[in-house]
Amino acid sequence: MKRIFGSHWSDYELIDAGNNKKLERFGETILIRPDRNAYFSPVLSTKEWLQKTHFEFIEETSSKGIWETLKQNTPKEWQISYKSCAFNLRLTKFKHIGIFPEQQTNWDFIKSHINKGNKFLNLFAYTGGASLIANSVGADVFHCDSVKQIISWSKENMESSNQSDIRWIFDDALKFATKEVKRGKKYKGIIMDPPAYGLGTKKERWKIETKFPELVEVASELIDKDGFLIINTYSPKLKEKNIQAIIKEYFSNKKIEINKLSLKTTTGKTLEYGELTRVY
């Protein structure tokens, strides 16, 4: 599988990676976070990492942990920007901080493929990076997430970006998309970032390898003839050949690209983030 690389920008840098961790700079704040894709050796020494770092996330379970402060008097909430969009970051017990910077390559794709007045749907939308980018060019943006606190965080980012009018949908992403099909709605662009596994709003079990065909089918019914679809997937159980076969079944007349989403560290290492599928 080919790799597609995101880029650093003034407020983000992947400095180094290795030993199942990554060293990143967000604005002026430098973090160490776990990353199982960093299975190789880093370039910089442990001492060099620790000298640079403000906070390190220490895992307590597979999904939660605590932040260890390595430099005192460093704010635990701060703001960075990408182009005209602002992101309010904070340390959470889930190691995430409010942005997935590897999505930068998708943000640029969206900006070049959507225009003022086009309808854009962000499913499993998290804190709304794609929503902000689409909204910044005047698209009619629908932002769907099933966690109220995350929608509130997204609204905060919209306001900090001096934007307005994003449509907020508190709902299960697949259920909302299915309802939109029944309502006869169409979108110029759809992006989705479904989890590999988890529980739904009513504790129903979610596995991306079983839900993926349904997600693609629903998306195929929602997209305009000249529209595009972006799907990020992160499960080793969902292989490229399976993704390719399912996408081709529903989008036989469109261009299909499936790549390994990646970032290059400043020290020259390559860190992979999962499969990135684009249909347009």
Protein backbone atom coordinates (compact mmCIF):
# COMPACT_ATOMS: atom_id res chain seq x y z
CA MET A 1 0.00 0.00 0.00
CA LYS A 2 1.27 3.46 -0.90
CA ARG A 3 1.67 6.15 1.73
CA ILE A 4 0.12 9.60 1.64
CA PHE A 5 1.92 12.11 3.82
CA GLY A 6 0.51 14.95 5.87
CA SER A 7 2.69 17.99 6.52
CA HIS A 8 3.92 19.92 9.51
CA TRP A 9 2.84 23.54 9.84
CA SER A 10 3.90 26.44 12.05
CA ASP A 11 1.82 25.24 15.03
CA TYR A 12 2.47 21.51 14.65
CA GLU A 13 5.57 19.34 14.36
CA LEU A 14 6.08 15.60 14.76
CA ILE A 15 9.59 15.82 16.16
CA ASP A 16 10.53 12.16 16.64
CA ALA A 17 8.96 8.74 17.18
CA GLY A 18 10.03 5.36 18.49
CA ASN A 19 9.79 2.90 21.38
CA ASN A 20 5.98 2.98 20.99
CA LYS A 21 5.83 6.74 21.62
CA LYS A 22 5.76 9.98 19.65
CA LEU A 23 7.23 13.39 20.46
CA GLU A 24 5.08 16.26 19.15
CA ARG A 25 4.99 20.04 19.32
CA PHE A 26 1.62 21.80 19.40
CA GLY A 27 2.30 25.52 19.34
CA GLU A 28 4.97 25.94 22.02
CA THR A 29 3.89 22.87 24.03
CA ILE A 30 5.73 19.58 23.52
CA LEU A 31 4.11 16.25 24.42
CA ILE A 32 5.05 12.59 24.61
CA ARG A 33 2.15 10.25 23.82
CA PRO A 34 1.91 6.47 23.31
CA ASP A 35 1.70 5.23 19.73
CA ARG A 36 1.89 1.54 18.93
CA ASN A 37 2.79 2.29 15.32
CA ALA A 38 6.11 3.71 16.58
CA TYR A 39 7.50 0.21 17.04
CA PHE A 40 10.97 1.20 15.77
CA SER A 41 13.84 2.98 17.54
CA PRO A 42 13.79 6.79 17.83
CA VAL A 43 16.58 9.01 16.54
CA LEU A 44 16.87 11.20 19.63
CA SER A 45 17.83 9.79 23.02
CA THR A 46 15.43 9.45 25.95
CA LYS A 47 17.32 12.27 27.66
CA GLU A 48 16.81 14.56 24.64
CA TRP A 49 13.09 13.73 24.58
CA LEU A 50 12.63 14.52 28.26
CA GLN A 51 14.60 17.76 28.03
CA LYS A 52 12.18 19.06 25.42
CA THR A 53 8.89 17.78 26.88
CA HIS A 54 6.27 19.68 28.89
CA PHE A 55 3.85 16.75 29.48
CA GLU A 56 3.99 12.99 29.03
CA PHE A 57 0.92 10.75 28.92
CA ILE A 58 1.29 7.66 31.10
CA GLU A 59 -1.13 4.83 30.25
CA GLU A 60 -2.95 3.22 33.17
CA THR A 61 -5.27 1.08 31.06
CA SER A 62 -5.59 0.51 27.30
CA SER A 63 -7.88 3.54 27.04
CA LYS A 64 -7.09 5.87 29.95
CA GLY A 65 -4.16 7.36 31.81
CA ILE A 66 -2.67 10.46 33.42
CA TRP A 67 -0.45 13.31 32.28
CA GLU A 68 2.88 13.72 34.02
CA THR A 69 4.12 17.31 34.17
CA LEU A 70 7.79 17.57 33.19
CA LYS A 71 7.99 21.38 32.98
CA GLN A 72 6.16 23.32 35.67
CA ASN A 73 3.99 26.37 35.02
CA THR A 74 2.97 25.12 31.56
CA PRO A 75 -0.72 25.75 30.77
CA LYS A 76 -2.82 22.60 30.45
CA GLU A 77 -5.15 24.34 28.03
CA TRP A 78 -3.92 26.33 25.04
CA GLN A 79 -4.79 27.25 21.46
CA ILE A 80 -3.18 26.61 18.10
CA SER A 81 -4.30 27.41 14.56
CA TYR A 82 -4.21 25.99 11.06
CA LYS A 83 -4.70 28.69 8.45
CA SER A 84 -7.82 30.59 9.60
CA CYS A 85 -9.06 27.85 11.94
CA ALA A 86 -8.40 27.81 15.70
CA PHE A 87 -8.20 24.70 17.87
CA ASN A 88 -8.58 24.80 21.64
CA LEU A 89 -6.41 22.05 23.09
CA ARG A 90 -6.48 20.47 26.53
CA LEU A 91 -5.04 17.41 28.27
CA THR A 92 -7.64 14.65 28.58
CA LYS A 93 -7.55 11.30 30.37
CA PHE A 94 -7.81 9.57 26.97
CA LYS A 95 -4.43 10.93 25.69
CA HIS A 96 -6.22 12.92 22.96
CA ILE A 97 -5.95 16.71 23.18
CA GLY A 98 -8.54 18.00 20.69
CA ILE A 99 -6.89 17.64 17.30
CA PHE A 100 -5.65 14.91 14.97
CA PRO A 101 -2.88 16.78 13.11
CA GLU A 102 -2.33 13.98 10.58
CA GLN A 103 -5.71 15.03 9.13
CA GLN A 104 -4.05 18.13 7.66
CA THR A 105 -3.79 16.42 4.27
CA ASN A 106 -7.58 15.81 4.31
CA TRP A 107 -8.28 19.41 5.31
CA ASP A 108 -6.36 20.62 2.25
CA PHE A 109 -8.20 18.12 0.04
CA ILE A 110 -11.57 19.34 1.35
CA LYS A 111 -10.64 22.98 0.82
CA SER A 112 -9.73 22.31 -2.82
CA HIS A 113 -12.83 20.20 -3.58
CA ILE A 114 -15.66 22.18 -1.97
CA ASN A 115 -17.16 25.58 -2.70
CA LYS A 116 -19.41 28.14 -1.11
CA GLY A 117 -22.93 26.82 -0.68
CA ASN A 118 -22.00 23.14 -1.11
CA LYS A 119 -23.38 20.78 1.54
CA PHE A 120 -20.72 19.00 3.59
CA LEU A 121 -21.22 16.21 6.15
CA ASN A 122 -18.71 15.36 8.88
CA LEU A 123 -19.54 12.03 10.56
CA PHE A 124 -17.84 10.87 13.78
CA ALA A 125 -16.74 14.48 13.70
CA TYR A 126 -14.76 14.83 16.98
CA THR A 127 -13.73 18.46 17.58
CA GLY A 128 -14.45 19.51 14.02
CA GLY A 129 -11.23 20.14 12.11
CA ALA A 130 -12.86 19.16 8.80
CA SER A 131 -16.02 21.09 9.74
CA LEU A 132 -14.03 24.28 10.34
CA ILE A 133 -12.12 23.95 7.07
CA ALA A 134 -15.29 23.39 5.02
CA ASN A 135 -17.08 26.19 6.87
CA SER A 136 -14.18 28.58 6.21
CA VAL A 137 -14.89 28.45 2.46
CA GLY A 138 -18.63 28.97 2.95
CA ALA A 139 -19.91 25.40 2.70
CA ASP A 140 -23.15 24.41 4.42
CA VAL A 141 -21.66 22.19 7.14
CA PHE A 142 -23.40 19.40 9.08
CA HIS A 143 -21.34 18.11 12.03
CA CYS A 144 -22.45 14.83 13.64
CA ASP A 145 -21.07 13.28 16.82
CA SER A 146 -22.61 11.14 19.58
CA VAL A 147 -20.77 12.78 22.51
CA LYS A 148 -22.26 16.02 23.85
CA GLN A 149 -19.02 17.24 25.40
CA ILE A 150 -17.23 16.84 22.07
CA ILE A 151 -19.90 18.88 20.27
CA SER A 152 -19.46 21.61 22.90
CA TRP A 153 -15.70 21.53 22.27
CA SER A 154 -16.35 21.83 18.52
CA LYS A 155 -18.58 24.88 19.08
CA GLU A 156 -15.79 26.45 21.10
CA ASN A 157 -13.41 25.92 18.17
CA MET A 158 -15.93 27.45 15.75
CA GLU A 159 -16.30 30.55 17.91
CA SER A 160 -12.53 30.87 18.39
CA SER A 161 -12.19 30.71 14.59
CA ASN A 162 -14.66 33.62 14.24
CA GLN A 163 -17.04 31.34 12.37
CA SER A 164 -20.75 30.59 12.74
CA ASP A 165 -23.62 28.56 11.31
CA ILE A 166 -22.25 25.00 11.52
CA ARG A 167 -25.22 22.65 11.99
CA TRP A 168 -24.68 20.51 15.10
CA ILE A 169 -26.16 17.00 15.18
CA PHE A 170 -26.02 15.01 18.41
CA ASP A 171 -26.68 11.51 17.11
CA ASP A 172 -25.17 8.17 16.18
CA ALA A 173 -23.39 8.85 12.87
CA LEU A 174 -24.68 5.83 10.95
CA LYS A 175 -28.23 6.31 12.22
CA PHE A 176 -28.21 10.00 11.23
CA ALA A 177 -26.80 9.23 7.78
CA THR A 178 -29.46 6.56 7.25
CA LYS A 179 -32.20 9.06 8.17
CA GLU A 180 -30.70 11.58 5.73
CA VAL A 181 -30.97 8.99 2.94
CA LYS A 182 -34.65 8.49 3.74
CA ARG A 183 -35.12 12.27 3.66
CA GLY A 184 -33.59 12.37 0.17
CA LYS A 185 -30.65 14.57 1.18
CA LYS A 186 -27.47 14.89 -0.88
CA TYR A 187 -23.99 16.18 -0.02
CA LYS A 188 -21.08 17.42 -2.13
CA GLY A 189 -18.60 16.03 0.38
CA ILE A 190 -18.60 13.54 3.25
CA ILE A 191 -15.78 12.71 5.64
CA MET A 192 -16.00 10.01 8.30
CA ASP A 193 -13.58 8.91 10.99
CA PRO A 194 -15.25 5.80 12.49
CA PRO A 195 -13.68 4.09 15.51
CA ALA A 196 -12.22 0.62 15.10
CA TYR A 197 -14.39 -0.68 17.93
CA GLY A 198 -16.58 0.59 20.74
CA LEU A 199 -20.11 0.92 22.04
CA GLY A 200 -22.93 2.88 20.47
CA THR A 201 -25.27 5.33 22.16
CA LYS A 202 -27.41 2.43 23.41
CA LYS A 203 -24.43 0.22 24.35
CA GLU A 204 -24.64 -1.72 21.11
CA ARG A 205 -21.28 -3.23 20.09
CA TRP A 206 -19.46 -1.53 17.21
CA LYS A 207 -16.77 -3.16 15.04
CA ILE A 208 -15.60 -1.30 11.96
CA GLU A 209 -14.98 -4.48 9.95
CA THR A 210 -18.69 -5.41 10.23
CA LYS A 211 -20.09 -1.86 9.94
CA PHE A 212 -17.89 -0.67 7.08
CA PRO A 213 -20.05 -2.01 4.21
CA GLU A 214 -23.14 -0.30 5.64
CA LEU A 215 -21.26 2.98 6.10
CA VAL A 216 -20.09 2.91 2.47
CA GLU A 217 -23.54 1.99 1.14
CA VAL A 218 -25.21 4.85 3.02
CA ALA A 219 -22.51 7.29 1.90
CA SER A 220 -22.98 6.23 -1.74
CA GLU A 221 -26.65 7.19 -1.49
CA LEU A 222 -25.90 10.56 0.10
CA ILE A 223 -23.20 11.84 -2.25
CA ASP A 224 -23.85 14.04 -5.27
CA LYS A 225 -22.74 12.67 -8.65
CA ASP A 226 -19.72 14.98 -8.60
CA GLY A 227 -19.14 14.64 -4.83
CA PHE A 228 -16.36 13.11 -2.78
CA LEU A 229 -16.00 10.75 0.17
CA ILE A 230 -13.12 10.51 2.67
CA ILE A 231 -12.92 7.60 5.14
CA ASN A 232 -10.23 7.11 7.76
CA THR A 233 -9.97 3.57 9.21
CA TYR A 234 -7.64 2.25 11.88
CA SER A 235 -8.27 -1.49 12.24
CA PRO A 236 -5.82 -4.23 11.19
CA LYS A 237 -8.89 -6.45 10.75
CA LEU A 238 -10.10 -4.26 7.87
CA LYS A 239 -7.61 -5.03 5.09
CA GLU A 240 -6.93 -2.94 2.00
CA LYS A 241 -8.37 -5.64 -0.31
CA ASN A 242 -11.63 -5.62 1.71
CA ILE A 243 -11.82 -1.83 1.62
CA GLN A 244 -11.14 -1.85 -2.14
CA ALA A 245 -13.81 -4.48 -2.86
CA ILE A 246 -16.50 -2.73 -0.82
CA ILE A 247 -15.74 0.73 -2.21
CA LYS A 248 -15.75 -0.58 -5.82
CA GLU A 249 -19.15 -2.19 -5.27
CA TYR A 250 -20.75 1.17 -4.51
CA PHE A 251 -18.51 3.60 -6.43
CA SER A 252 -17.68 1.80 -9.68
CA ASN A 253 -17.58 5.02 -11.73
CA LYS A 254 -15.39 7.13 -9.45
CA LYS A 255 -11.69 7.46 -8.82
CA ILE A 256 -10.65 5.46 -5.74
CA GLU A 257 -7.47 6.02 -3.76
CA ILE A 258 -6.52 3.90 -0.73
CA ASN A 259 -3.30 4.91 1.00
CA LYS A 260 -1.60 4.53 4.35
CA LEU A 261 -1.95 7.90 6.09
CA SER A 262 1.51 8.85 7.32
CA LEU A 263 3.65 11.64 8.75
CA LYS A 264 7.40 12.08 8.55
CA THR A 265 9.14 13.12 11.76
CA THR A 266 11.60 15.99 11.73
CA THR A 267 14.25 13.35 12.47
CA GLY A 268 13.30 11.40 9.33
CA LYS A 269 11.20 8.53 10.71
CA THR A 270 7.84 7.56 9.15
CA LEU A 271 4.83 7.08 11.41
CA GLU A 272 1.69 5.47 9.99
CA TYR A 273 -1.83 6.30 11.19
CA GLY A 274 -4.19 3.94 9.36
CA GLU A 275 -5.89 3.60 5.99
CA LEU A 276 -7.10 6.69 4.17
CA THR A 277 -9.70 6.12 1.45
CA ARG A 278 -10.72 8.88 -0.96
CA VAL A 279 -13.43 8.56 -3.57
CA TYR A 280 -14.00 11.43 -6.02
